[in-house]
Amino acid sequence: MNIKKSSAKNTLIQIVVFLVVSAGLIFYKKLAIATLVTSGDISKIGLIINAIIIILFLAGMFKIVLSLFRYIDEHHAVMKVAQNLKSNVLDPLASISPKRLISRRYHNIEWITKQGSPVNHAALASSVNASESTRLTFIRFVHSTLILAGVFGTVVSLSMALIGASGLLNSPEGVKEMGTIISSMSSALSSTVVAIICFFIFAYFYLRLNDSRIQLLNDIEEVTGLYILPKVSHSEEGMIARVSELTASLNQATERLLSVQHTFNHAGHTLQAAVDDLQGQVQGSSLNEIKDLIRKGFHLSEPVYDDQLEDDLQSSSSQAQDEPKKTAENDLITTNKTSNLR
């Protein structure tokens, strides 16, 4: 979704530029404008009509400015909610006023969904459009009245001029009636010029206001269709699509689990082969050699093995058997030596 920059802000900038230019023009041509508006040739009725036209114009412009400020706030709220929905924020309406159009749209859809009813997007859009149209009643009134006020001033002034003309025909002198005719014609011209200028300016900003309103409503409907409805409501087609996505995700997860299981099986076979190889190497080696290596590594005393004990026992027993024989032989030798000496 691509929400464009709010046109209401651009319209406000244009209004500020218009006010600055108008103020400069009035200051530069103040004498000519004062002569045109407050000239003695203009009747009091003409001045009153011009004042009514200017007051209507200023009131309508003030209402347009207020509406543009509200549209700017509404546009910011729509952008914030759209960003929250795109980011899957737990509360998309956080820090959003409940009076905003997007907040009421979200709550309405949420309420309809809780009731188990289908959401009629077109009906919601028509409701918001009608509600916003009622806010512009005074602006439309001013837009329709400005040009009519100028026409009314022209008609009244011309009527007064006709009255003066009739008096001129009935009076032989007619100086006073001639002044009335000139004053009325000046009032008609002044009222027409003021009304046309105000109408042109007001019509342009009124169209800009309508553009801002249409853009705001379009952004609300776009956010509703792309983010709010899929997130809040649950239609049959949406549920089928979600089930399909879930099934595809489960298939992918199953394939990954099978791949991991195959990897674990391969690792288990490799580990078992390593254990068998190590066990064979241990069994093929002499335990005594391992013990000797451990003894030498830790500088231990000579161990006494079973085979050496048996050899020692056999040698000690043979020595014990040989000692009596050696003793007898020694005694015999000693006896022989003694007999020889005698």
C-alpha atoms as a PDB file:
ATOM      1  CA  MET A   1       0.000   0.000   0.000  1.00  0.00           C
ATOM      2  CA  ASN A   2       1.246   3.477  -0.888  1.00  0.00           C
ATOM      3  CA  ILE A   3      -0.404   6.262   1.133  1.00  0.00           C
ATOM      4  CA  LYS A   4       0.445   9.542  -0.497  1.00  0.00           C
ATOM      5  CA  LYS A   5       1.292  12.723   1.307  1.00  0.00           C
ATOM      6  CA  SER A   6      -1.790  14.526   2.602  1.00  0.00           C
ATOM      7  CA  SER A   7      -3.085  17.132   0.143  1.00  0.00           C
ATOM      8  CA  ALA A   8      -4.689  18.989   3.057  1.00  0.00           C
ATOM      9  CA  LYS A   9      -1.270  20.144   4.194  1.00  0.00           C
ATOM     10  CA  ASN A  10      -0.485  21.487   0.733  1.00  0.00           C
ATOM     11  CA  THR A  11      -3.808  23.324   0.691  1.00  0.00           C
ATOM     12  CA  LEU A  12      -3.025  24.970   4.023  1.00  0.00           C
ATOM     13  CA  ILE A  13       0.299  26.119   2.647  1.00  0.00           C
ATOM     14  CA  GLN A  14      -1.499  27.613  -0.353  1.00  0.00           C
ATOM     15  CA  ILE A  15      -3.928  29.437   1.941  1.00  0.00           C
ATOM     16  CA  VAL A  16      -1.030  30.926   3.898  1.00  0.00           C
ATOM     17  CA  VAL A  17       0.631  32.055   0.655  1.00  0.00           C
ATOM     18  CA  PHE A  18      -2.672  33.558  -0.507  1.00  0.00           C
ATOM     19  CA  LEU A  19      -3.093  35.496   2.740  1.00  0.00           C
ATOM     20  CA  VAL A  20       0.449  36.868   2.536  1.00  0.00           C
ATOM     21  CA  VAL A  21      -0.001  37.935  -1.096  1.00  0.00           C
ATOM     22  CA  SER A  22      -3.406  39.449  -0.357  1.00  0.00           C
ATOM     23  CA  ALA A  23      -2.042  41.377   2.603  1.00  0.00           C
ATOM     24  CA  GLY A  24       0.806  42.724   0.456  1.00  0.00           C
ATOM     25  CA  LEU A  25      -1.578  43.683  -2.352  1.00  0.00           C
ATOM     26  CA  ILE A  26      -3.981  45.412   0.030  1.00  0.00           C
ATOM     27  CA  PHE A  27      -1.128  47.331   1.633  1.00  0.00           C
ATOM     28  CA  TYR A  28       0.246  48.315  -1.787  1.00  0.00           C
ATOM     29  CA  LYS A  29      -3.151  49.342  -3.258  1.00  0.00           C
ATOM     30  CA  LYS A  30      -4.888  50.365  -0.064  1.00  0.00           C
ATOM     31  CA  LEU A  31      -6.045  53.740  -1.384  1.00  0.00           C
ATOM     32  CA  ALA A  32      -7.608  52.304  -4.538  1.00  0.00           C
ATOM     33  CA  ILE A  33      -9.293  49.481  -2.648  1.00  0.00           C
ATOM     34  CA  ALA A  34     -10.600  51.852   0.027  1.00  0.00           C
ATOM     35  CA  THR A  35     -11.944  54.153  -2.672  1.00  0.00           C
ATOM     36  CA  LEU A  36     -13.661  51.229  -4.401  1.00  0.00           C
ATOM     37  CA  VAL A  37     -15.263  49.844  -1.259  1.00  0.00           C
ATOM     38  CA  THR A  38     -16.034  52.969   0.784  1.00  0.00           C
ATOM     39  CA  SER A  39     -16.481  55.529  -1.969  1.00  0.00           C
ATOM     40  CA  GLY A  40     -19.184  58.089  -1.465  1.00  0.00           C
ATOM     41  CA  ASP A  41     -20.709  57.000  -4.729  1.00  0.00           C
ATOM     42  CA  ILE A  42     -21.695  53.658  -3.157  1.00  0.00           C
ATOM     43  CA  SER A  43     -24.931  53.661  -1.229  1.00  0.00           C
ATOM     44  CA  LYS A  44     -25.260  52.354   2.310  1.00  0.00           C
ATOM     45  CA  ILE A  45     -27.151  49.336   1.021  1.00  0.00           C
ATOM     46  CA  GLY A  46     -24.213  48.534  -1.262  1.00  0.00           C
ATOM     47  CA  LEU A  47     -21.769  48.774   1.660  1.00  0.00           C
ATOM     48  CA  ILE A  48     -23.959  46.472   3.733  1.00  0.00           C
ATOM     49  CA  ILE A  49     -24.132  43.923   0.903  1.00  0.00           C
ATOM     50  CA  ASN A  50     -20.343  44.067   0.404  1.00  0.00           C
ATOM     51  CA  ALA A  51     -19.817  43.570   4.153  1.00  0.00           C
ATOM     52  CA  ILE A  52     -22.138  40.532   4.105  1.00  0.00           C
ATOM     53  CA  ILE A  53     -20.238  39.035   1.158  1.00  0.00           C
ATOM     54  CA  ILE A  54     -16.844  39.524   2.841  1.00  0.00           C
ATOM     55  CA  ILE A  55     -18.091  38.121   6.172  1.00  0.00           C
ATOM     56  CA  LEU A  56     -19.486  35.041   4.415  1.00  0.00           C
ATOM     57  CA  PHE A  57     -16.202  34.584   2.580  1.00  0.00           C
ATOM     58  CA  LEU A  58     -14.073  34.860   5.734  1.00  0.00           C
ATOM     59  CA  ALA A  59     -16.384  32.535   7.715  1.00  0.00           C
ATOM     60  CA  GLY A  60     -16.241  29.938   4.960  1.00  0.00           C
ATOM     61  CA  MET A  61     -12.451  30.179   4.718  1.00  0.00           C
ATOM     62  CA  PHE A  62     -12.168  29.773   8.486  1.00  0.00           C
ATOM     63  CA  LYS A  63     -14.316  26.636   8.319  1.00  0.00           C
ATOM     64  CA  ILE A  64     -12.173  25.303   5.449  1.00  0.00           C
ATOM     65  CA  VAL A  65      -9.001  25.823   7.500  1.00  0.00           C
ATOM     66  CA  LEU A  66     -10.494  23.943  10.460  1.00  0.00           C
ATOM     67  CA  SER A  67     -11.543  21.075   8.191  1.00  0.00           C
ATOM     68  CA  LEU A  68      -8.076  20.907   6.647  1.00  0.00           C
ATOM     69  CA  PHE A  69      -6.450  20.674  10.085  1.00  0.00           C
ATOM     70  CA  ARG A  70      -8.819  17.837  10.969  1.00  0.00           C
ATOM     71  CA  TYR A  71      -8.016  16.023   7.717  1.00  0.00           C
ATOM     72  CA  ILE A  72      -4.295  16.289   8.474  1.00  0.00           C
ATOM     73  CA  ASP A  73      -4.840  14.659  11.877  1.00  0.00           C
ATOM     74  CA  GLU A  74      -7.028  11.975  10.315  1.00  0.00           C
ATOM     75  CA  HIS A  75      -4.374  11.274   7.687  1.00  0.00           C
ATOM     76  CA  HIS A  76      -1.670  10.872  10.352  1.00  0.00           C
ATOM     77  CA  ALA A  77      -3.938   8.481  12.275  1.00  0.00           C
ATOM     78  CA  VAL A  78      -4.523   6.375   9.142  1.00  0.00           C
ATOM     79  CA  MET A  79      -0.797   6.164   8.461  1.00  0.00           C
ATOM     80  CA  LYS A  80      -0.068   5.185  12.085  1.00  0.00           C
ATOM     81  CA  VAL A  81      -2.703   2.420  12.100  1.00  0.00           C
ATOM     82  CA  ALA A  82      -1.481   1.103   8.745  1.00  0.00           C
ATOM     83  CA  GLN A  83       2.087   0.953  10.050  1.00  0.00           C
ATOM     84  CA  ASN A  84       0.961  -0.832  13.234  1.00  0.00           C
ATOM     85  CA  LEU A  85      -1.019  -3.386  11.253  1.00  0.00           C
ATOM     86  CA  LYS A  86       1.907  -4.022   8.905  1.00  0.00           C
ATOM     87  CA  SER A  87       4.182  -4.538  11.922  1.00  0.00           C
ATOM     88  CA  ASN A  88       1.639  -6.882  13.620  1.00  0.00           C
ATOM     89  CA  VAL A  89       1.453  -4.689  16.730  1.00  0.00           C
ATOM     90  CA  LEU A  90      -0.708  -6.166  19.488  1.00  0.00           C
ATOM     91  CA  ASP A  91      -2.846  -3.004  19.768  1.00  0.00           C
ATOM     92  CA  PRO A  92      -2.986  -1.223  16.383  1.00  0.00           C
ATOM     93  CA  LEU A  93      -4.987   1.663  17.884  1.00  0.00           C
ATOM     94  CA  ALA A  94      -2.410   2.511  20.533  1.00  0.00           C
ATOM     95  CA  SER A  95      -2.061   6.294  20.965  1.00  0.00           C
ATOM     96  CA  ILE A  96      -4.890   6.814  18.430  1.00  0.00           C
ATOM     97  CA  SER A  97      -7.920   8.842  19.524  1.00  0.00           C
ATOM     98  CA  PRO A  98     -11.187   6.836  19.461  1.00  0.00           C
ATOM     99  CA  LYS A  99     -12.841   9.780  17.679  1.00  0.00           C
ATOM    100  CA  ARG A 100     -10.749   9.271  14.556  1.00  0.00           C
ATOM    101  CA  LEU A 101     -12.443   7.758  11.518  1.00  0.00           C
ATOM    102  CA  ILE A 102      -9.981   4.876  11.290  1.00  0.00           C
ATOM    103  CA  SER A 103     -10.537   4.011  14.966  1.00  0.00           C
ATOM    104  CA  ARG A 104     -14.289   3.907  14.544  1.00  0.00           C
ATOM    105  CA  ARG A 105     -13.894   1.816  11.392  1.00  0.00           C
ATOM    106  CA  TYR A 106     -11.689  -0.706  13.228  1.00  0.00           C
ATOM    107  CA  HIS A 107     -14.078  -0.954  16.191  1.00  0.00           C
ATOM    108  CA  ASN A 108     -17.106  -1.320  13.891  1.00  0.00           C
ATOM    109  CA  ILE A 109     -15.522  -4.176  11.955  1.00  0.00           C
ATOM    110  CA  GLU A 110     -14.401  -5.829  15.190  1.00  0.00           C
ATOM    111  CA  TRP A 111     -17.939  -5.579  16.636  1.00  0.00           C
ATOM    112  CA  ILE A 112     -19.556  -6.995  13.480  1.00  0.00           C
ATOM    113  CA  THR A 113     -17.087  -9.880  13.466  1.00  0.00           C
ATOM    114  CA  LYS A 114     -17.829 -10.707  17.111  1.00  0.00           C
ATOM    115  CA  GLN A 115     -21.522 -10.900  16.253  1.00  0.00           C
ATOM    116  CA  GLY A 116     -20.725 -13.482  13.573  1.00  0.00           C
ATOM    117  CA  SER A 117     -22.070 -11.355  10.712  1.00  0.00           C
ATOM    118  CA  PRO A 118     -20.325 -10.732   7.382  1.00  0.00           C
ATOM    119  CA  VAL A 119     -18.702  -7.313   6.997  1.00  0.00           C
ATOM    120  CA  ASN A 120     -20.302  -5.148   4.307  1.00  0.00           C
ATOM    121  CA  HIS A 121     -17.398  -2.981   3.243  1.00  0.00           C
ATOM    122  CA  ALA A 122     -19.461  -0.932   0.795  1.00  0.00           C
ATOM    123  CA  ALA A 123     -22.038  -0.035   3.448  1.00  0.00           C
ATOM    124  CA  LEU A 124     -19.317   1.106   5.844  1.00  0.00           C
ATOM    125  CA  ALA A 125     -17.736   3.258   3.138  1.00  0.00           C
ATOM    126  CA  SER A 126     -21.079   4.862   2.273  1.00  0.00           C
ATOM    127  CA  SER A 127     -21.745   5.595   5.939  1.00  0.00           C
ATOM    128  CA  VAL A 128     -18.412   7.356   6.411  1.00  0.00           C
ATOM    129  CA  ASN A 129     -18.853   9.311   3.193  1.00  0.00           C
ATOM    130  CA  ALA A 130     -22.310  10.509   4.262  1.00  0.00           C
ATOM    131  CA  SER A 131     -21.034  11.438   7.719  1.00  0.00           C
ATOM    132  CA  GLU A 132     -18.201  13.504   6.254  1.00  0.00           C
ATOM    133  CA  SER A 133     -20.543  15.200   3.796  1.00  0.00           C
ATOM    134  CA  THR A 134     -22.691  16.537   6.637  1.00  0.00           C
ATOM    135  CA  ARG A 135     -19.629  18.257   8.112  1.00  0.00           C
ATOM    136  CA  LEU A 136     -19.289  20.408   4.988  1.00  0.00           C
ATOM    137  CA  THR A 137     -22.829  21.801   4.977  1.00  0.00           C
ATOM    138  CA  PHE A 138     -21.850  25.337   5.987  1.00  0.00           C
ATOM    139  CA  ILE A 139     -18.981  25.391   3.465  1.00  0.00           C
ATOM    140  CA  ARG A 140     -21.314  24.309   0.667  1.00  0.00           C
ATOM    141  CA  PHE A 141     -23.776  26.962   1.780  1.00  0.00           C
ATOM    142  CA  VAL A 142     -21.136  29.694   1.533  1.00  0.00           C
ATOM    143  CA  HIS A 143     -19.971  28.343  -1.820  1.00  0.00           C
ATOM    144  CA  SER A 144     -23.512  28.546  -3.178  1.00  0.00           C
ATOM    145  CA  THR A 145     -24.362  31.871  -1.551  1.00  0.00           C
ATOM    146  CA  LEU A 146     -21.384  34.042  -2.459  1.00  0.00           C
ATOM    147  CA  ILE A 147     -22.237  34.458  -6.105  1.00  0.00           C
ATOM    148  CA  LEU A 148     -25.924  34.806  -5.262  1.00  0.00           C
ATOM    149  CA  ALA A 149     -25.084  37.556  -2.776  1.00  0.00           C
ATOM    150  CA  GLY A 150     -23.287  39.421  -5.542  1.00  0.00           C
ATOM    151  CA  VAL A 151     -26.295  38.951  -7.827  1.00  0.00           C
ATOM    152  CA  PHE A 152     -28.579  40.098  -5.030  1.00  0.00           C
ATOM    153  CA  GLY A 153     -26.494  43.240  -4.518  1.00  0.00           C
ATOM    154  CA  THR A 154     -26.581  43.919  -8.238  1.00  0.00           C
ATOM    155  CA  VAL A 155     -30.351  43.496  -8.437  1.00  0.00           C
ATOM    156  CA  VAL A 156     -30.959  45.714  -5.412  1.00  0.00           C
ATOM    157  CA  SER A 157     -28.638  48.388  -6.754  1.00  0.00           C
ATOM    158  CA  LEU A 158     -30.258  48.296 -10.178  1.00  0.00           C
ATOM    159  CA  SER A 159     -33.684  48.492  -8.560  1.00  0.00           C
ATOM    160  CA  MET A 160     -32.610  51.615  -6.709  1.00  0.00           C
ATOM    161  CA  ALA A 161     -31.224  52.992  -9.945  1.00  0.00           C
ATOM    162  CA  LEU A 162     -34.586  52.395 -11.650  1.00  0.00           C
ATOM    163  CA  ILE A 163     -36.333  54.157  -8.787  1.00  0.00           C
ATOM    164  CA  GLY A 164     -34.008  57.114  -9.243  1.00  0.00           C
ATOM    165  CA  ALA A 165     -34.654  57.065 -12.976  1.00  0.00           C
ATOM    166  CA  SER A 166     -38.408  57.159 -12.425  1.00  0.00           C
ATOM    167  CA  GLY A 167     -37.948  60.122 -10.058  1.00  0.00           C
ATOM    168  CA  LEU A 168     -35.795  61.812 -12.673  1.00  0.00           C
ATOM    169  CA  LEU A 169     -38.603  61.562 -15.184  1.00  0.00           C
ATOM    170  CA  ASN A 170     -41.106  63.026 -12.754  1.00  0.00           C
ATOM    171  CA  SER A 171     -38.837  65.900 -11.603  1.00  0.00           C
ATOM    172  CA  PRO A 172     -37.810  68.723 -13.870  1.00  0.00           C
ATOM    173  CA  GLU A 173     -34.547  69.301 -12.025  1.00  0.00           C
ATOM    174  CA  GLY A 174     -33.572  65.645 -11.313  1.00  0.00           C
ATOM    175  CA  VAL A 175     -30.170  66.389  -9.743  1.00  0.00           C
ATOM    176  CA  LYS A 176     -30.886  64.367  -6.634  1.00  0.00           C
ATOM    177  CA  GLU A 177     -32.307  61.488  -8.633  1.00  0.00           C
ATOM    178  CA  MET A 178     -29.250  61.501 -10.900  1.00  0.00           C
ATOM    179  CA  GLY A 179     -27.027  61.073  -7.842  1.00  0.00           C
ATOM    180  CA  THR A 180     -29.184  58.152  -6.724  1.00  0.00           C
ATOM    181  CA  ILE A 181     -28.808  56.500 -10.118  1.00  0.00           C
ATOM    182  CA  ILE A 182     -25.018  56.916 -10.118  1.00  0.00           C
ATOM    183  CA  SER A 183     -24.751  55.650  -6.524  1.00  0.00           C
ATOM    184  CA  SER A 184     -26.892  52.623  -7.291  1.00  0.00           C
ATOM    185  CA  MET A 185     -24.877  51.750 -10.403  1.00  0.00           C
ATOM    186  CA  SER A 186     -21.642  52.034  -8.380  1.00  0.00           C
ATOM    187  CA  SER A 187     -23.102  49.771  -5.703  1.00  0.00           C
ATOM    188  CA  ALA A 188     -24.097  47.217  -8.325  1.00  0.00           C
ATOM    189  CA  LEU A 189     -20.616  47.225  -9.820  1.00  0.00           C
ATOM    190  CA  SER A 190     -18.922  47.022  -6.415  1.00  0.00           C
ATOM    191  CA  SER A 191     -21.140  44.169  -5.188  1.00  0.00           C
ATOM    192  CA  THR A 192     -20.600  42.185  -8.390  1.00  0.00           C
ATOM    193  CA  VAL A 193     -16.819  42.598  -8.368  1.00  0.00           C
ATOM    194  CA  VAL A 194     -16.459  41.723  -4.665  1.00  0.00           C
ATOM    195  CA  ALA A 195     -18.739  38.683  -4.986  1.00  0.00           C
ATOM    196  CA  ILE A 196     -16.959  37.357  -8.091  1.00  0.00           C
ATOM    197  CA  ILE A 197     -13.482  37.740  -6.561  1.00  0.00           C
ATOM    198  CA  CYS A 198     -14.527  36.073  -3.297  1.00  0.00           C
ATOM    199  CA  PHE A 199     -16.327  33.301  -5.193  1.00  0.00           C
ATOM    200  CA  PHE A 200     -13.311  32.501  -7.373  1.00  0.00           C
ATOM    201  CA  ILE A 201     -10.991  32.251  -4.371  1.00  0.00           C
ATOM    202  CA  PHE A 202     -13.456  30.311  -2.243  1.00  0.00           C
ATOM    203  CA  ALA A 203     -14.340  27.904  -5.077  1.00  0.00           C
ATOM    204  CA  TYR A 204     -10.690  26.955  -5.578  1.00  0.00           C
ATOM    205  CA  PHE A 205     -10.075  26.157  -1.915  1.00  0.00           C
ATOM    206  CA  TYR A 206     -13.430  24.390  -1.692  1.00  0.00           C
ATOM    207  CA  LEU A 207     -12.359  22.059  -4.511  1.00  0.00           C
ATOM    208  CA  ARG A 208      -9.020  21.508  -2.766  1.00  0.00           C
ATOM    209  CA  LEU A 209     -10.924  20.627   0.398  1.00  0.00           C
ATOM    210  CA  ASN A 210     -12.989  18.070  -1.517  1.00  0.00           C
ATOM    211  CA  ASP A 211      -9.789  16.570  -2.919  1.00  0.00           C
ATOM    212  CA  SER A 212      -8.407  16.191   0.631  1.00  0.00           C
ATOM    213  CA  ARG A 213     -11.651  14.576   1.793  1.00  0.00           C
ATOM    214  CA  ILE A 214     -11.651  12.108  -1.112  1.00  0.00           C
ATOM    215  CA  GLN A 215      -8.009  11.230  -0.498  1.00  0.00           C
ATOM    216  CA  LEU A 216      -8.665  10.628   3.216  1.00  0.00           C
ATOM    217  CA  LEU A 217     -11.678   8.390   2.538  1.00  0.00           C
ATOM    218  CA  ASN A 218      -9.739   6.500  -0.124  1.00  0.00           C
ATOM    219  CA  ASP A 219      -6.861   5.874   2.320  1.00  0.00           C
ATOM    220  CA  ILE A 220      -9.305   4.622   4.964  1.00  0.00           C
ATOM    221  CA  GLU A 221     -10.930   2.199   2.538  1.00  0.00           C
ATOM    222  CA  GLU A 222      -7.544   0.998   1.315  1.00  0.00           C
ATOM    223  CA  VAL A 223      -6.297   0.302   4.854  1.00  0.00           C
ATOM    224  CA  THR A 224      -9.594  -1.417   5.640  1.00  0.00           C
ATOM    225  CA  GLY A 225      -9.433  -3.707   2.635  1.00  0.00           C
ATOM    226  CA  LEU A 226      -5.744  -4.571   2.854  1.00  0.00           C
ATOM    227  CA  TYR A 227      -5.136  -4.833   6.611  1.00  0.00           C
ATOM    228  CA  ILE A 228      -8.178  -4.491   8.881  1.00  0.00           C
ATOM    229  CA  LEU A 229     -10.508  -6.971   7.167  1.00  0.00           C
ATOM    230  CA  PRO A 230      -7.897  -9.765   6.797  1.00  0.00           C
ATOM    231  CA  LYS A 231      -6.789  -9.280  10.412  1.00  0.00           C
ATOM    232  CA  VAL A 232     -10.158  -8.934  12.162  1.00  0.00           C
ATOM    233  CA  SER A 233     -12.795 -10.629  10.037  1.00  0.00           C
ATOM    234  CA  HIS A 234     -12.804 -14.341   9.128  1.00  0.00           C
ATOM    235  CA  SER A 235     -14.615 -15.132   5.901  1.00  0.00           C
ATOM    236  CA  GLU A 236     -14.948 -18.605   4.416  1.00  0.00           C
ATOM    237  CA  GLU A 237     -12.511 -17.834   1.614  1.00  0.00           C
ATOM    238  CA  GLY A 238     -10.039 -16.348   4.093  1.00  0.00           C
ATOM    239  CA  MET A 239     -10.244 -19.401   6.353  1.00  0.00           C
ATOM    240  CA  ILE A 240      -9.643 -21.728   3.400  1.00  0.00           C
ATOM    241  CA  ALA A 241      -6.651 -19.682   2.342  1.00  0.00           C
ATOM    242  CA  ARG A 242      -5.244 -19.718   5.873  1.00  0.00           C
ATOM    243  CA  VAL A 243      -5.757 -23.477   6.154  1.00  0.00           C
ATOM    244  CA  SER A 244      -3.909 -23.912   2.869  1.00  0.00           C
ATOM    245  CA  GLU A 245      -1.043 -21.754   4.113  1.00  0.00           C
ATOM    246  CA  LEU A 246      -0.955 -23.712   7.374  1.00  0.00           C
ATOM    247  CA  THR A 247      -0.888 -27.015   5.491  1.00  0.00           C
ATOM    248  CA  ALA A 248       1.983 -25.817   3.318  1.00  0.00           C
ATOM    249  CA  SER A 249       3.865 -24.671   6.425  1.00  0.00           C
ATOM    250  CA  LEU A 250       3.303 -28.044   8.101  1.00  0.00           C
ATOM    251  CA  ASN A 251       4.592 -29.854   5.005  1.00  0.00           C
ATOM    252  CA  GLN A 252       7.722 -27.740   5.040  1.00  0.00           C
ATOM    253  CA  ALA A 253       8.197 -28.385   8.761  1.00  0.00           C
ATOM    254  CA  THR A 254       7.759 -32.129   8.205  1.00  0.00           C
ATOM    255  CA  GLU A 255      10.373 -32.132   5.482  1.00  0.00           C
ATOM    256  CA  ARG A 256      12.782 -30.295   7.754  1.00  0.00           C
ATOM    257  CA  LEU A 257      12.138 -32.781  10.582  1.00  0.00           C
ATOM    258  CA  LEU A 258      12.809 -35.710   8.258  1.00  0.00           C
ATOM    259  CA  SER A 259      16.029 -34.062   7.132  1.00  0.00           C
ATOM    260  CA  VAL A 260      17.102 -33.538  10.756  1.00  0.00           C
ATOM    261  CA  GLN A 261      16.190 -37.132  11.600  1.00  0.00           C
ATOM    262  CA  HIS A 262      18.278 -38.407   8.691  1.00  0.00           C
ATOM    263  CA  THR A 263      21.190 -36.292   9.905  1.00  0.00           C
ATOM    264  CA  PHE A 264      20.845 -37.668  13.433  1.00  0.00           C
ATOM    265  CA  ASN A 265      20.708 -41.246  12.133  1.00  0.00           C
ATOM    266  CA  HIS A 266      23.859 -40.721  10.108  1.00  0.00           C
ATOM    267  CA  ALA A 267      25.577 -39.177  13.127  1.00  0.00           C
ATOM    268  CA  GLY A 268      24.466 -42.113  15.296  1.00  0.00           C
ATOM    269  CA  HIS A 269      25.873 -44.665  12.854  1.00  0.00           C
ATOM    270  CA  THR A 270      29.128 -42.745  12.677  1.00  0.00           C
ATOM    271  CA  LEU A 271      29.352 -42.599  16.471  1.00  0.00           C
ATOM    272  CA  GLN A 272      28.606 -46.321  16.801  1.00  0.00           C
ATOM    273  CA  ALA A 273      31.339 -47.158  14.287  1.00  0.00           C
ATOM    274  CA  ALA A 274      33.784 -44.985  16.215  1.00  0.00           C
ATOM    275  CA  VAL A 275      32.866 -46.731  19.495  1.00  0.00           C
ATOM    276  CA  ASP A 276      33.285 -50.174  17.938  1.00  0.00           C
ATOM    277  CA  ASP A 277      36.641 -49.174  16.514  1.00  0.00           C
ATOM    278  CA  LEU A 278      37.807 -47.848  19.861  1.00  0.00           C
ATOM    279  CA  GLN A 279      36.618 -50.957  21.671  1.00  0.00           C
ATOM    280  CA  GLY A 280      38.505 -53.161  19.245  1.00  0.00           C
ATOM    281  CA  GLN A 281      41.658 -51.152  19.743  1.00  0.00           C
ATOM    282  CA  VAL A 282      41.319 -51.427  23.526  1.00  0.00           C
ATOM    283  CA  GLN A 283      40.715 -55.154  23.407  1.00  0.00           C
ATOM    284  CA  GLY A 284      43.651 -55.671  21.033  1.00  0.00           C
ATOM    285  CA  SER A 285      46.082 -53.857  23.316  1.00  0.00           C
ATOM    286  CA  SER A 286      47.663 -55.380  26.347  1.00  0.00           C
ATOM    287  CA  LEU A 287      46.186 -54.225  29.632  1.00  0.00           C
ATOM    288  CA  ASN A 288      49.525 -54.643  31.286  1.00  0.00           C
ATOM    289  CA  GLU A 289      51.104 -52.262  28.804  1.00  0.00           C
ATOM    290  CA  ILE A 290      48.425 -49.723  29.555  1.00  0.00           C
ATOM    291  CA  LYS A 291      49.014 -50.198  33.301  1.00  0.00           C
ATOM    292  CA  ASP A 292      52.746 -49.804  32.844  1.00  0.00           C
ATOM    293  CA  LEU A 293      52.231 -46.639  30.885  1.00  0.00           C
ATOM    294  CA  ILE A 294      49.963 -45.268  33.621  1.00  0.00           C
ATOM    295  CA  ARG A 295      52.475 -46.297  36.319  1.00  0.00           C
ATOM    296  CA  LYS A 296      55.343 -44.627  34.491  1.00  0.00           C
ATOM    297  CA  GLY A 297      53.281 -41.530  33.851  1.00  0.00           C
ATOM    298  CA  PHE A 298      52.382 -41.110  37.537  1.00  0.00           C
ATOM    299  CA  HIS A 299      55.757 -42.460  38.884  1.00  0.00           C
ATOM    300  CA  LEU A 300      54.192 -45.300  40.871  1.00  0.00           C
ATOM    301  CA  SER A 301      56.029 -48.280  42.460  1.00  0.00           C
ATOM    302  CA  GLU A 302      56.430 -51.623  40.692  1.00  0.00           C
ATOM    303  CA  PRO A 303      53.197 -53.541  40.801  1.00  0.00           C
ATOM    304  CA  VAL A 304      53.060 -57.185  41.790  1.00  0.00           C
ATOM    305  CA  TYR A 305      51.323 -59.223  39.169  1.00  0.00           C
ATOM    306  CA  ASP A 306      49.831 -62.692  39.665  1.00  0.00           C
ATOM    307  CA  ASP A 307      52.300 -64.407  37.327  1.00  0.00           C
ATOM    308  CA  GLN A 308      55.249 -62.935  39.162  1.00  0.00           C
ATOM    309  CA  LEU A 309      53.783 -64.030  42.502  1.00  0.00           C
ATOM    310  CA  GLU A 310      53.537 -67.603  41.266  1.00  0.00           C
ATOM    311  CA  ASP A 311      57.151 -67.522  40.000  1.00  0.00           C
ATOM    312  CA  ASP A 312      58.317 -66.144  43.352  1.00  0.00           C
ATOM    313  CA  LEU A 313      56.440 -68.844  45.239  1.00  0.00           C
ATOM    314  CA  GLN A 314      57.879 -71.586  43.054  1.00  0.00           C
ATOM    315  CA  SER A 315      61.426 -70.249  43.441  1.00  0.00           C
ATOM    316  CA  SER A 316      61.047 -69.957  47.216  1.00  0.00           C
ATOM    317  CA  SER A 317      59.733 -73.525  47.477  1.00  0.00           C
ATOM    318  CA  SER A 318      62.578 -74.887  45.368  1.00  0.00           C
ATOM    319  CA  GLN A 319      65.066 -73.024  47.525  1.00  0.00           C
ATOM    320  CA  ALA A 320      63.448 -74.480  50.627  1.00  0.00           C
ATOM    321  CA  GLN A 321      63.820 -77.998  49.195  1.00  0.00           C
ATOM    322  CA  ASP A 322      67.466 -77.473  48.210  1.00  0.00           C
ATOM    323  CA  GLU A 323      68.575 -76.139  51.614  1.00  0.00           C
ATOM    324  CA  PRO A 324      68.397 -79.544  53.472  1.00  0.00           C
ATOM    325  CA  LYS A 325      70.357 -81.201  50.714  1.00  0.00           C
ATOM    326  CA  LYS A 326      73.025 -78.536  50.868  1.00  0.00           C
ATOM    327  CA  THR A 327      73.141 -78.860  54.667  1.00  0.00           C
ATOM    328  CA  ALA A 328      73.582 -82.651  54.493  1.00  0.00           C
ATOM    329  CA  GLU A 329      76.294 -82.358  51.897  1.00  0.00           C
ATOM    330  CA  ASN A 330      78.099 -79.795  54.009  1.00  0.00           C
ATOM    331  CA  ASP A 331      77.900 -82.094  57.071  1.00  0.00           C
ATOM    332  CA  LEU A 332      79.266 -85.031  55.037  1.00  0.00           C
ATOM    333  CA  ILE A 333      82.150 -82.952  53.769  1.00  0.00           C
ATOM    334  CA  THR A 334      82.919 -81.774  57.256  1.00  0.00           C
ATOM    335  CA  THR A 335      82.915 -85.403  58.609  1.00  0.00           C
ATOM    336  CA  ASN A 336      85.252 -86.565  55.856  1.00  0.00           C
ATOM    337  CA  LYS A 337      87.669 -83.763  56.564  1.00  0.00           C
ATOM    338  CA  THR A 338      87.664 -84.625  60.250  1.00  0.00           C
ATOM    339  CA  SER A 339      88.364 -88.351  59.634  1.00  0.00           C
ATOM    340  CA  ASN A 340      91.231 -87.539  57.327  1.00  0.00           C
ATOM    341  CA  LEU A 341      92.828 -85.351  59.896  1.00  0.00           C
ATOM    342  CA  ARG A 342      92.761 -88.160  62.442  1.00  0.00           C
END
